[in-house]
């Protein structure tokens, strides 16, 4: 199973980027082909219709292709002001925007429709970014994603990671693994049903 893992942050020491690495490593240990996508590797401007009318940026097409190639995703969502980040919203807005006349990307539902998505978040607060997930969930459902019931919010993230990048607490590691396992399981079942 091909799993795409990405965080809604480009900050170098982002807790959510670190959590994305943990999730990708767990997926590989479970036998999945995990791709860790870094949003900083894509030159994507702030979305607006006039810019889009001049032509979809090439990196948006690259992003759409990467997302489309993976039936399962894990999104690690930081929490800014009780919601997900502007970076994550901008990424989703561009990726869901149809490309007029394009043989593949004229359909705005692609690459989201039918993807199985698991949500993780990390924050230094006690709630671990949980409110960002509550805002992100309806957006993903609206785009046609299958949202995994299991999710996890990692609180007190500043002290949660060891020097090797892994989570120090076995219970936290197990909860992240449970999300990854459920996403992979559901994506496998949906592919078999097609």
N, C-alpha and C. Protein backbone atom coordinates (compact mmCIF):
# COMPACT_ATOMS: atom_id res chain seq x y z
N UNK A 1 0.84 -1.18 0.00
CA UNK A 1 0.00 0.00 0.00
C UNK A 1 0.89 1.25 0.00
N UNK A 2 0.54 2.20 -0.84
CA UNK A 2 1.28 3.46 -0.91
C UNK A 2 0.61 4.49 -0.01
N UNK A 3 1.39 5.03 0.91
CA UNK A 3 0.91 5.99 1.90
C UNK A 3 1.67 7.30 1.75
N UNK A 4 0.95 8.39 1.65
CA UNK A 4 1.55 9.73 1.61
C UNK A 4 1.42 10.35 2.99
N UNK A 5 2.52 10.86 3.51
CA UNK A 5 2.53 11.48 4.84
C UNK A 5 3.07 12.90 4.69
N UNK A 6 2.31 13.86 5.21
CA UNK A 6 2.82 15.24 5.17
C UNK A 6 2.28 16.05 6.33
N UNK A 7 3.00 17.11 6.63
CA UNK A 7 2.63 18.01 7.73
C UNK A 7 2.27 19.37 7.16
N UNK A 8 1.36 20.05 7.83
CA UNK A 8 0.95 21.38 7.41
C UNK A 8 1.85 22.46 7.95
N UNK A 9 3.16 22.20 7.91
CA UNK A 9 4.16 23.15 8.40
C UNK A 9 5.44 22.99 7.61
N UNK A 10 6.15 24.08 7.46
CA UNK A 10 7.48 24.02 6.84
C UNK A 10 8.57 24.44 7.83
N UNK A 11 8.18 24.72 9.06
CA UNK A 11 9.16 25.12 10.08
C UNK A 11 10.15 23.99 10.32
N UNK A 12 11.43 24.32 10.36
CA UNK A 12 12.48 23.31 10.44
C UNK A 12 12.30 22.35 11.61
N UNK A 13 12.00 22.88 12.80
CA UNK A 13 11.86 22.04 13.99
C UNK A 13 10.39 21.79 14.35
N UNK A 14 9.53 21.82 13.37
CA UNK A 14 8.10 21.62 13.59
C UNK A 14 7.82 20.28 14.26
N UNK A 15 7.00 20.31 15.31
CA UNK A 15 6.58 19.07 15.96
C UNK A 15 5.83 18.18 14.98
N UNK A 16 5.04 18.78 14.11
CA UNK A 16 4.23 18.00 13.18
C UNK A 16 5.06 17.38 12.07
N UNK A 17 6.11 18.06 11.64
CA UNK A 17 7.03 17.44 10.68
C UNK A 17 7.74 16.25 11.34
N UNK A 18 8.09 16.39 12.61
CA UNK A 18 8.73 15.29 13.33
C UNK A 18 7.75 14.12 13.49
N UNK A 19 6.49 14.45 13.77
CA UNK A 19 5.47 13.41 13.90
C UNK A 19 5.23 12.71 12.57
N UNK A 20 5.31 13.47 11.48
CA UNK A 20 5.15 12.87 10.15
C UNK A 20 6.25 11.85 9.88
N UNK A 21 7.46 12.14 10.31
CA UNK A 21 8.57 11.18 10.15
C UNK A 21 8.28 9.91 10.94
N UNK A 22 7.78 10.08 12.17
CA UNK A 22 7.43 8.92 13.00
C UNK A 22 6.37 8.07 12.29
N UNK A 23 5.32 8.72 11.77
CA UNK A 23 4.24 7.99 11.10
C UNK A 23 4.74 7.27 9.85
N UNK A 24 5.61 7.92 9.08
CA UNK A 24 6.16 7.29 7.87
C UNK A 24 7.02 6.08 8.24
N UNK A 25 7.82 6.21 9.30
CA UNK A 25 8.65 5.08 9.74
C UNK A 25 7.79 3.91 10.20
N UNK A 26 6.73 4.20 10.94
CA UNK A 26 5.81 3.15 11.39
C UNK A 26 5.20 2.45 10.18
N UNK A 27 4.76 3.23 9.20
CA UNK A 27 4.15 2.65 8.00
C UNK A 27 5.11 1.72 7.28
N UNK A 28 6.37 2.13 7.18
CA UNK A 28 7.38 1.27 6.53
C UNK A 28 7.59 -0.01 7.31
N UNK A 29 7.60 0.10 8.64
CA UNK A 29 7.75 -1.10 9.48
C UNK A 29 6.57 -2.05 9.29
N UNK A 30 5.41 -1.50 8.94
CA UNK A 30 4.21 -2.31 8.70
C UNK A 30 4.15 -2.84 7.26
N UNK A 31 5.16 -2.52 6.47
CA UNK A 31 5.23 -3.04 5.11
C UNK A 31 4.67 -2.13 4.03
N UNK A 32 4.28 -0.91 4.41
CA UNK A 32 3.74 0.03 3.42
C UNK A 32 4.88 0.76 2.70
N UNK A 33 4.56 1.27 1.54
CA UNK A 33 5.48 2.12 0.80
C UNK A 33 5.12 3.57 1.14
N UNK A 34 5.83 4.14 2.11
CA UNK A 34 5.50 5.46 2.63
C UNK A 34 6.35 6.53 1.96
N UNK A 35 5.68 7.59 1.52
CA UNK A 35 6.35 8.75 0.95
C UNK A 35 6.16 9.93 1.90
N UNK A 36 7.25 10.51 2.33
CA UNK A 36 7.21 11.68 3.21
C UNK A 36 7.31 12.92 2.33
N UNK A 37 6.20 13.63 2.21
CA UNK A 37 6.14 14.81 1.34
C UNK A 37 6.42 16.05 2.17
N UNK A 38 7.34 16.89 1.69
CA UNK A 38 7.66 18.15 2.37
C UNK A 38 7.07 19.29 1.56
N UNK A 39 6.14 20.02 2.13
CA UNK A 39 5.51 21.12 1.41
C UNK A 39 6.50 22.21 1.03
N UNK A 40 7.61 22.32 1.75
CA UNK A 40 8.64 23.31 1.42
C UNK A 40 9.30 23.02 0.08
N UNK A 41 9.17 21.80 -0.42
CA UNK A 41 9.77 21.43 -1.70
C UNK A 41 8.93 21.88 -2.89
N UNK A 42 7.78 22.49 -2.63
CA UNK A 42 6.87 22.92 -3.68
C UNK A 42 6.74 24.45 -3.65
N UNK A 43 6.92 25.06 -4.81
CA UNK A 43 6.80 26.51 -4.94
C UNK A 43 5.34 26.83 -5.30
N UNK A 44 4.54 26.99 -4.27
CA UNK A 44 3.10 27.20 -4.45
C UNK A 44 2.72 28.54 -3.84
N UNK A 45 2.26 29.48 -4.67
CA UNK A 45 1.88 30.81 -4.16
C UNK A 45 0.55 30.76 -3.41
N UNK A 46 0.20 31.86 -2.79
CA UNK A 46 -1.12 31.96 -2.17
C UNK A 46 -2.17 31.90 -3.26
N UNK A 47 -3.20 31.10 -3.03
CA UNK A 47 -4.22 30.89 -4.05
C UNK A 47 -5.09 32.14 -4.24
N UNK A 48 -5.32 32.49 -5.49
CA UNK A 48 -6.41 33.40 -5.86
C UNK A 48 -6.75 33.17 -7.31
N UNK A 49 -8.01 33.40 -7.64
CA UNK A 49 -8.55 33.01 -8.94
C UNK A 49 -7.87 33.70 -10.12
N UNK A 50 -7.45 34.97 -9.94
CA UNK A 50 -6.80 35.68 -11.04
C UNK A 50 -5.45 35.04 -11.38
N UNK A 51 -4.73 34.64 -10.34
CA UNK A 51 -3.46 33.94 -10.57
C UNK A 51 -3.71 32.61 -11.27
N UNK A 52 -4.70 31.89 -10.81
CA UNK A 52 -5.04 30.61 -11.42
C UNK A 52 -5.45 30.78 -12.88
N UNK A 53 -6.15 31.86 -13.20
CA UNK A 53 -6.59 32.12 -14.57
C UNK A 53 -5.42 32.31 -15.52
N UNK A 54 -4.27 32.74 -14.97
CA UNK A 54 -3.07 32.90 -15.81
C UNK A 54 -2.35 31.58 -16.03
N UNK A 55 -2.78 30.54 -15.32
CA UNK A 55 -2.18 29.21 -15.48
C UNK A 55 -1.80 28.61 -14.15
N UNK A 56 -2.13 27.34 -13.98
CA UNK A 56 -1.81 26.64 -12.75
C UNK A 56 -0.30 26.46 -12.64
N UNK A 57 0.32 26.86 -11.52
CA UNK A 57 1.76 26.70 -11.36
C UNK A 57 2.21 25.25 -11.52
N UNK A 58 3.36 25.01 -12.13
CA UNK A 58 3.84 23.63 -12.34
C UNK A 58 3.94 22.81 -11.07
N UNK A 59 4.32 23.45 -9.96
CA UNK A 59 4.45 22.69 -8.71
C UNK A 59 3.10 22.25 -8.16
N UNK A 60 2.03 22.94 -8.53
CA UNK A 60 0.70 22.50 -8.13
C UNK A 60 0.36 21.19 -8.85
N UNK A 61 0.72 21.10 -10.12
CA UNK A 61 0.51 19.85 -10.87
C UNK A 61 1.35 18.74 -10.24
N UNK A 62 2.58 19.04 -9.88
CA UNK A 62 3.43 18.04 -9.22
C UNK A 62 2.81 17.57 -7.92
N UNK A 63 2.26 18.50 -7.15
CA UNK A 63 1.60 18.17 -5.89
C UNK A 63 0.38 17.28 -6.14
N UNK A 64 -0.45 17.66 -7.10
CA UNK A 64 -1.62 16.85 -7.44
C UNK A 64 -1.20 15.43 -7.81
N UNK A 65 -0.15 15.30 -8.60
CA UNK A 65 0.32 13.98 -9.02
C UNK A 65 0.78 13.14 -7.83
N UNK A 66 1.51 13.78 -6.91
CA UNK A 66 1.98 13.05 -5.72
C UNK A 66 0.81 12.60 -4.86
N UNK A 67 -0.17 13.46 -4.68
CA UNK A 67 -1.33 13.12 -3.87
C UNK A 67 -2.17 12.02 -4.54
N UNK A 68 -2.33 12.13 -5.83
CA UNK A 68 -3.16 11.18 -6.57
C UNK A 68 -2.55 9.78 -6.59
N UNK A 69 -1.23 9.72 -6.55
CA UNK A 69 -0.53 8.42 -6.66
C UNK A 69 -0.63 7.57 -5.39
N UNK A 70 -1.17 8.14 -4.33
CA UNK A 70 -1.24 7.43 -3.04
C UNK A 70 -2.69 7.29 -2.60
N UNK A 71 -3.18 6.07 -2.44
CA UNK A 71 -4.57 5.88 -2.01
C UNK A 71 -4.79 6.18 -0.52
N UNK A 72 -3.72 6.28 0.24
CA UNK A 72 -3.82 6.51 1.68
C UNK A 72 -2.92 7.68 2.07
N UNK A 73 -3.42 8.51 2.98
CA UNK A 73 -2.66 9.67 3.45
C UNK A 73 -2.71 9.74 4.98
N UNK A 74 -1.65 10.31 5.53
CA UNK A 74 -1.63 10.77 6.92
C UNK A 74 -1.29 12.26 6.87
N UNK A 75 -2.15 13.08 7.47
CA UNK A 75 -1.89 14.51 7.55
C UNK A 75 -1.62 14.87 9.00
N UNK A 76 -0.47 15.51 9.23
CA UNK A 76 -0.11 15.98 10.57
C UNK A 76 -0.36 17.48 10.60
N UNK A 77 -1.36 17.87 11.35
CA UNK A 77 -1.85 19.25 11.29
C UNK A 77 -1.47 20.06 12.52
N UNK A 78 -0.62 21.08 12.34
CA UNK A 78 -0.38 22.00 13.46
C UNK A 78 -1.66 22.77 13.78
N UNK A 79 -1.68 23.38 14.94
CA UNK A 79 -2.83 24.20 15.33
C UNK A 79 -2.39 25.64 15.51
N UNK A 80 -2.97 26.52 14.69
CA UNK A 80 -2.74 27.96 14.82
C UNK A 80 -4.09 28.59 15.15
N UNK A 81 -4.16 29.30 16.26
CA UNK A 81 -5.39 29.98 16.66
C UNK A 81 -6.60 29.05 16.65
N UNK A 82 -6.41 27.83 17.10
CA UNK A 82 -7.50 26.88 17.24
C UNK A 82 -7.94 26.21 15.96
N UNK A 83 -7.14 26.33 14.89
CA UNK A 83 -7.51 25.71 13.62
C UNK A 83 -6.26 25.23 12.90
N UNK A 84 -6.43 24.73 11.68
CA UNK A 84 -5.28 24.29 10.90
C UNK A 84 -4.59 25.51 10.27
N UNK A 85 -3.42 25.30 9.72
CA UNK A 85 -2.59 26.40 9.24
C UNK A 85 -3.04 26.94 7.89
N UNK A 86 -2.68 28.18 7.63
CA UNK A 86 -2.91 28.78 6.32
C UNK A 86 -2.18 28.00 5.23
N UNK A 87 -1.00 27.49 5.54
CA UNK A 87 -0.24 26.68 4.58
C UNK A 87 -1.03 25.45 4.17
N UNK A 88 -1.62 24.77 5.12
CA UNK A 88 -2.39 23.56 4.81
C UNK A 88 -3.64 23.92 4.00
N UNK A 89 -4.33 24.99 4.38
CA UNK A 89 -5.51 25.41 3.62
C UNK A 89 -5.13 25.79 2.19
N UNK A 90 -4.05 26.53 2.02
CA UNK A 90 -3.60 26.94 0.69
C UNK A 90 -3.24 25.72 -0.16
N UNK A 91 -2.58 24.76 0.45
CA UNK A 91 -2.21 23.52 -0.25
C UNK A 91 -3.46 22.79 -0.73
N UNK A 92 -4.44 22.67 0.14
CA UNK A 92 -5.68 21.98 -0.21
C UNK A 92 -6.46 22.76 -1.28
N UNK A 93 -6.49 24.09 -1.15
CA UNK A 93 -7.20 24.90 -2.14
C UNK A 93 -6.62 24.72 -3.54
N UNK A 94 -5.31 24.76 -3.65
CA UNK A 94 -4.68 24.57 -4.95
C UNK A 94 -4.87 23.15 -5.46
N UNK A 95 -4.67 22.16 -4.58
CA UNK A 95 -4.76 20.76 -5.02
C UNK A 95 -6.16 20.37 -5.45
N UNK A 96 -7.17 21.05 -4.91
CA UNK A 96 -8.55 20.71 -5.25
C UNK A 96 -9.11 21.58 -6.39
N UNK A 97 -8.32 22.51 -6.86
CA UNK A 97 -8.80 23.42 -7.90
C UNK A 97 -8.67 22.77 -9.28
N UNK A 98 -9.77 22.73 -10.05
CA UNK A 98 -9.69 22.12 -11.39
C UNK A 98 -8.80 22.94 -12.32
N UNK A 99 -8.14 22.25 -13.23
CA UNK A 99 -7.31 22.89 -14.25
C UNK A 99 -8.08 22.80 -15.56
N UNK A 100 -8.62 23.92 -15.99
CA UNK A 100 -9.49 23.95 -17.17
C UNK A 100 -8.80 23.35 -18.39
N UNK A 101 -9.49 22.42 -19.04
CA UNK A 101 -9.00 21.83 -20.27
C UNK A 101 -7.92 20.77 -20.11
N UNK A 102 -7.48 20.52 -18.88
CA UNK A 102 -6.42 19.52 -18.65
C UNK A 102 -7.03 18.13 -18.73
N UNK A 103 -6.36 17.17 -19.39
CA UNK A 103 -6.94 15.84 -19.55
C UNK A 103 -7.12 15.06 -18.24
N UNK A 104 -6.34 15.39 -17.23
CA UNK A 104 -6.43 14.67 -15.95
C UNK A 104 -7.03 15.55 -14.85
N UNK A 105 -6.62 16.80 -14.79
CA UNK A 105 -6.91 17.65 -13.63
C UNK A 105 -8.08 18.62 -13.84
N UNK A 106 -8.87 18.41 -14.86
CA UNK A 106 -10.07 19.24 -15.04
C UNK A 106 -11.12 18.95 -13.97
N UNK A 107 -11.02 17.80 -13.34
CA UNK A 107 -11.93 17.40 -12.28
C UNK A 107 -11.37 17.86 -10.94
N UNK A 108 -12.05 18.79 -10.26
CA UNK A 108 -11.56 19.30 -8.99
C UNK A 108 -11.62 18.29 -7.85
N UNK A 109 -12.43 17.24 -8.02
CA UNK A 109 -12.51 16.22 -6.96
C UNK A 109 -11.24 15.38 -6.90
N UNK A 110 -10.52 15.34 -7.99
CA UNK A 110 -9.27 14.61 -8.01
C UNK A 110 -8.18 15.58 -7.58
N UNK A 111 -7.29 15.26 -6.69
CA UNK A 111 -6.89 13.94 -6.21
C UNK A 111 -7.49 13.51 -4.87
N UNK A 112 -8.56 14.14 -4.39
CA UNK A 112 -9.06 13.86 -3.04
C UNK A 112 -10.06 12.70 -2.96
N UNK A 113 -10.95 12.61 -3.91
CA UNK A 113 -12.07 11.67 -3.82
C UNK A 113 -11.58 10.24 -3.64
N UNK A 114 -12.10 9.59 -2.60
CA UNK A 114 -11.77 8.20 -2.35
C UNK A 114 -10.50 7.94 -1.57
N UNK A 115 -9.75 8.98 -1.22
CA UNK A 115 -8.54 8.77 -0.43
C UNK A 115 -8.92 8.46 1.01
N UNK A 116 -8.19 7.55 1.62
CA UNK A 116 -8.37 7.27 3.05
C UNK A 116 -7.36 8.12 3.80
N UNK A 117 -7.85 8.96 4.71
CA UNK A 117 -6.99 9.93 5.38
C UNK A 117 -7.05 9.74 6.89
N UNK A 118 -5.88 9.71 7.48
CA UNK A 118 -5.76 9.70 8.93
C UNK A 118 -5.20 11.03 9.40
N UNK A 119 -5.69 11.50 10.53
CA UNK A 119 -5.24 12.78 11.06
C UNK A 119 -4.43 12.59 12.34
N UNK A 120 -3.29 13.28 12.35
CA UNK A 120 -2.46 13.38 13.55
C UNK A 120 -2.19 14.86 13.77
N UNK A 121 -1.86 15.22 14.98
CA UNK A 121 -1.43 16.58 15.26
C UNK A 121 -0.53 16.55 16.48
N UNK A 122 0.28 17.60 16.60
CA UNK A 122 1.19 17.72 17.73
C UNK A 122 1.27 19.19 18.14
N UNK A 123 1.28 19.40 19.42
CA UNK A 123 1.37 20.75 19.96
C UNK A 123 1.97 20.66 21.35
N UNK A 124 2.54 21.75 21.79
CA UNK A 124 3.08 21.74 23.15
C UNK A 124 1.98 21.89 24.19
N UNK A 125 0.78 22.26 23.76
CA UNK A 125 -0.34 22.35 24.69
C UNK A 125 -0.87 20.97 25.06
N UNK A 126 -1.72 20.94 26.05
CA UNK A 126 -2.25 19.66 26.53
C UNK A 126 -3.16 18.98 25.51
N UNK A 127 -3.86 19.77 24.67
CA UNK A 127 -4.78 19.19 23.69
C UNK A 127 -4.06 18.65 22.45
N UNK A 128 -2.81 19.00 22.28
CA UNK A 128 -2.02 18.41 21.20
C UNK A 128 -2.45 18.80 19.79
N UNK A 129 -3.14 19.94 19.66
CA UNK A 129 -3.59 20.35 18.33
C UNK A 129 -4.91 19.73 17.91
N UNK A 130 -5.64 19.18 18.85
CA UNK A 130 -6.89 18.49 18.55
C UNK A 130 -7.91 19.39 17.84
N UNK A 131 -7.93 20.68 18.18
CA UNK A 131 -8.90 21.59 17.55
C UNK A 131 -8.63 21.75 16.06
N UNK A 132 -7.37 21.65 15.66
CA UNK A 132 -7.07 21.74 14.22
C UNK A 132 -7.71 20.57 13.48
N UNK A 133 -7.71 19.40 14.11
CA UNK A 133 -8.33 18.23 13.49
C UNK A 133 -9.84 18.40 13.36
N UNK A 134 -10.47 19.03 14.36
CA UNK A 134 -11.92 19.19 14.31
C UNK A 134 -12.33 20.14 13.18
N UNK A 135 -11.46 21.03 12.78
CA UNK A 135 -11.74 21.93 11.65
C UNK A 135 -11.35 21.28 10.33
N UNK A 136 -10.29 20.49 10.34
CA UNK A 136 -9.81 19.86 9.11
C UNK A 136 -10.75 18.75 8.65
N UNK A 137 -11.33 18.02 9.57
CA UNK A 137 -12.17 16.86 9.23
C UNK A 137 -13.30 17.21 8.26
N UNK A 138 -14.13 18.23 8.52
CA UNK A 138 -15.21 18.51 7.58
C UNK A 138 -14.73 18.94 6.20
N UNK A 139 -13.59 19.61 6.15
CA UNK A 139 -13.02 20.01 4.86
C UNK A 139 -12.66 18.78 4.03
N UNK A 140 -12.00 17.81 4.65
CA UNK A 140 -11.60 16.59 3.95
C UNK A 140 -12.81 15.77 3.52
N UNK A 141 -13.81 15.68 4.38
CA UNK A 141 -15.03 14.94 4.04
C UNK A 141 -15.73 15.61 2.86
N UNK A 142 -15.78 16.94 2.88
CA UNK A 142 -16.40 17.69 1.79
C UNK A 142 -15.71 17.43 0.45
N UNK A 143 -14.42 17.14 0.49
CA UNK A 143 -13.65 16.86 -0.72
C UNK A 143 -13.75 15.40 -1.16
N UNK A 144 -14.50 14.59 -0.43
CA UNK A 144 -14.73 13.20 -0.82
C UNK A 144 -13.75 12.20 -0.23
N UNK A 145 -12.99 12.62 0.78
CA UNK A 145 -12.06 11.70 1.43
C UNK A 145 -12.81 10.79 2.41
N UNK A 146 -12.27 9.60 2.60
CA UNK A 146 -12.73 8.70 3.66
C UNK A 146 -11.85 9.00 4.87
N UNK A 147 -12.45 9.46 5.95
CA UNK A 147 -11.69 9.85 7.13
C UNK A 147 -11.64 8.69 8.12
N UNK A 148 -10.44 8.30 8.50
CA UNK A 148 -10.28 7.21 9.47
C UNK A 148 -10.85 7.66 10.82
N UNK A 149 -11.64 6.82 11.47
CA UNK A 149 -12.18 7.19 12.78
C UNK A 149 -11.09 7.42 13.84
N UNK A 150 -10.03 6.65 13.74
CA UNK A 150 -8.93 6.84 14.70
C UNK A 150 -8.14 8.08 14.31
N UNK A 151 -7.76 8.84 15.30
CA UNK A 151 -6.89 10.00 15.12
C UNK A 151 -6.13 10.17 16.42
N UNK A 152 -5.10 10.98 16.39
CA UNK A 152 -4.33 11.17 17.63
C UNK A 152 -3.76 12.57 17.67
N UNK A 153 -3.82 13.17 18.85
CA UNK A 153 -3.26 14.48 19.11
C UNK A 153 -2.18 14.33 20.19
N UNK A 154 -0.97 14.68 19.84
CA UNK A 154 0.19 14.53 20.73
C UNK A 154 0.41 15.82 21.49
N UNK A 155 0.11 15.81 22.79
CA UNK A 155 0.32 16.97 23.64
C UNK A 155 1.72 17.01 24.20
N UNK A 156 2.11 18.17 24.72
CA UNK A 156 3.43 18.38 25.32
C UNK A 156 4.54 17.87 24.41
N UNK A 157 4.42 18.27 23.14
CA UNK A 157 5.29 17.71 22.09
C UNK A 157 6.76 18.10 22.25
N UNK A 158 7.05 19.18 22.94
CA UNK A 158 8.45 19.60 23.10
C UNK A 158 9.28 18.56 23.84
N UNK A 159 8.62 17.77 24.68
CA UNK A 159 9.35 16.75 25.44
C UNK A 159 8.97 15.33 25.00
N UNK A 160 8.30 15.20 23.86
CA UNK A 160 7.78 13.89 23.44
C UNK A 160 8.74 13.09 22.58
N UNK A 161 9.71 13.75 21.96
CA UNK A 161 10.59 13.08 21.00
C UNK A 161 11.98 12.85 21.59
N UNK A 162 12.53 11.68 21.31
CA UNK A 162 13.90 11.38 21.71
C UNK A 162 14.90 11.91 20.71
N UNK A 163 16.18 11.77 21.02
CA UNK A 163 17.24 12.23 20.12
C UNK A 163 17.21 11.50 18.78
N UNK A 164 16.67 10.29 18.77
CA UNK A 164 16.58 9.51 17.53
C UNK A 164 15.33 9.86 16.71
N UNK A 165 14.52 10.79 17.21
CA UNK A 165 13.33 11.21 16.50
C UNK A 165 12.08 10.42 16.84
N UNK A 166 12.25 9.31 17.52
CA UNK A 166 11.09 8.48 17.88
C UNK A 166 10.40 9.06 19.11
N UNK A 167 9.15 8.66 19.30
CA UNK A 167 8.41 9.10 20.48
C UNK A 167 8.93 8.36 21.71
N UNK A 168 9.12 9.08 22.78
CA UNK A 168 9.68 8.48 24.00
C UNK A 168 8.67 7.59 24.71
N UNK A 169 7.41 7.96 24.65
CA UNK A 169 6.38 7.22 25.36
C UNK A 169 5.80 6.11 24.47
N UNK A 170 5.87 4.88 24.95
CA UNK A 170 5.39 3.74 24.17
C UNK A 170 3.89 3.84 23.88
N UNK A 171 3.13 4.40 24.81
CA UNK A 171 1.70 4.56 24.59
C UNK A 171 1.41 5.53 23.46
N UNK A 172 2.16 6.63 23.40
CA UNK A 172 2.00 7.58 22.29
C UNK A 172 2.37 6.94 20.96
N UNK A 173 3.45 6.20 20.95
CA UNK A 173 3.88 5.50 19.74
C UNK A 173 2.79 4.52 19.28
N UNK A 174 2.20 3.82 20.23
CA UNK A 174 1.15 2.85 19.90
C UNK A 174 -0.08 3.53 19.34
N UNK A 175 -0.42 4.73 19.84
CA UNK A 175 -1.59 5.43 19.33
C UNK A 175 -1.37 5.95 17.91
N UNK A 176 -0.16 6.41 17.63
CA UNK A 176 0.16 6.81 16.25
C UNK A 176 0.11 5.58 15.34
N UNK A 177 0.67 4.49 15.81
CA UNK A 177 0.65 3.25 15.02
C UNK A 177 -0.78 2.81 14.74
N UNK A 178 -1.67 2.96 15.70
CA UNK A 178 -3.07 2.55 15.51
C UNK A 178 -3.73 3.35 14.39
N UNK A 179 -3.41 4.65 14.30
CA UNK A 179 -3.95 5.48 13.22
C UNK A 179 -3.41 5.00 11.88
N UNK A 180 -2.11 4.80 11.82
CA UNK A 180 -1.48 4.35 10.57
C UNK A 180 -2.05 3.00 10.15
N UNK A 181 -2.18 2.08 11.08
CA UNK A 181 -2.72 0.76 10.76
C UNK A 181 -4.14 0.85 10.22
N UNK A 182 -4.97 1.68 10.84
CA UNK A 182 -6.35 1.77 10.39
C UNK A 182 -6.45 2.37 8.99
N UNK A 183 -5.63 3.37 8.71
CA UNK A 183 -5.61 3.98 7.38
C UNK A 183 -5.20 2.95 6.33
N UNK A 184 -4.15 2.21 6.61
CA UNK A 184 -3.67 1.20 5.66
C UNK A 184 -4.71 0.10 5.47
N UNK A 185 -5.32 -0.34 6.55
CA UNK A 185 -6.35 -1.38 6.49
C UNK A 185 -7.52 -0.93 5.63
N UNK A 186 -8.03 0.28 5.89
CA UNK A 186 -9.19 0.77 5.16
C UNK A 186 -8.87 1.00 3.68
N UNK A 187 -7.69 1.54 3.40
CA UNK A 187 -7.32 1.79 2.01
C UNK A 187 -7.21 0.48 1.24
N UNK A 188 -6.68 -0.55 1.88
CA UNK A 188 -6.59 -1.87 1.26
C UNK A 188 -7.98 -2.41 0.93
N UNK A 189 -8.91 -2.28 1.88
CA UNK A 189 -10.27 -2.77 1.65
C UNK A 189 -10.97 -2.00 0.54
N UNK A 190 -10.78 -0.70 0.50
CA UNK A 190 -11.42 0.09 -0.55
C UNK A 190 -10.85 -0.23 -1.93
N UNK A 191 -9.55 -0.49 -2.00
CA UNK A 191 -8.96 -0.87 -3.29
C UNK A 191 -9.49 -2.21 -3.76
N UNK A 192 -9.69 -3.14 -2.83
CA UNK A 192 -10.23 -4.46 -3.19
C UNK A 192 -11.66 -4.35 -3.69
N UNK A 193 -12.39 -3.35 -3.18
CA UNK A 193 -13.79 -3.19 -3.56
C UNK A 193 -13.95 -2.56 -4.96
N UNK A 194 -12.91 -1.91 -5.45
CA UNK A 194 -12.98 -1.26 -6.77
C UNK A 194 -12.96 -2.23 -7.92
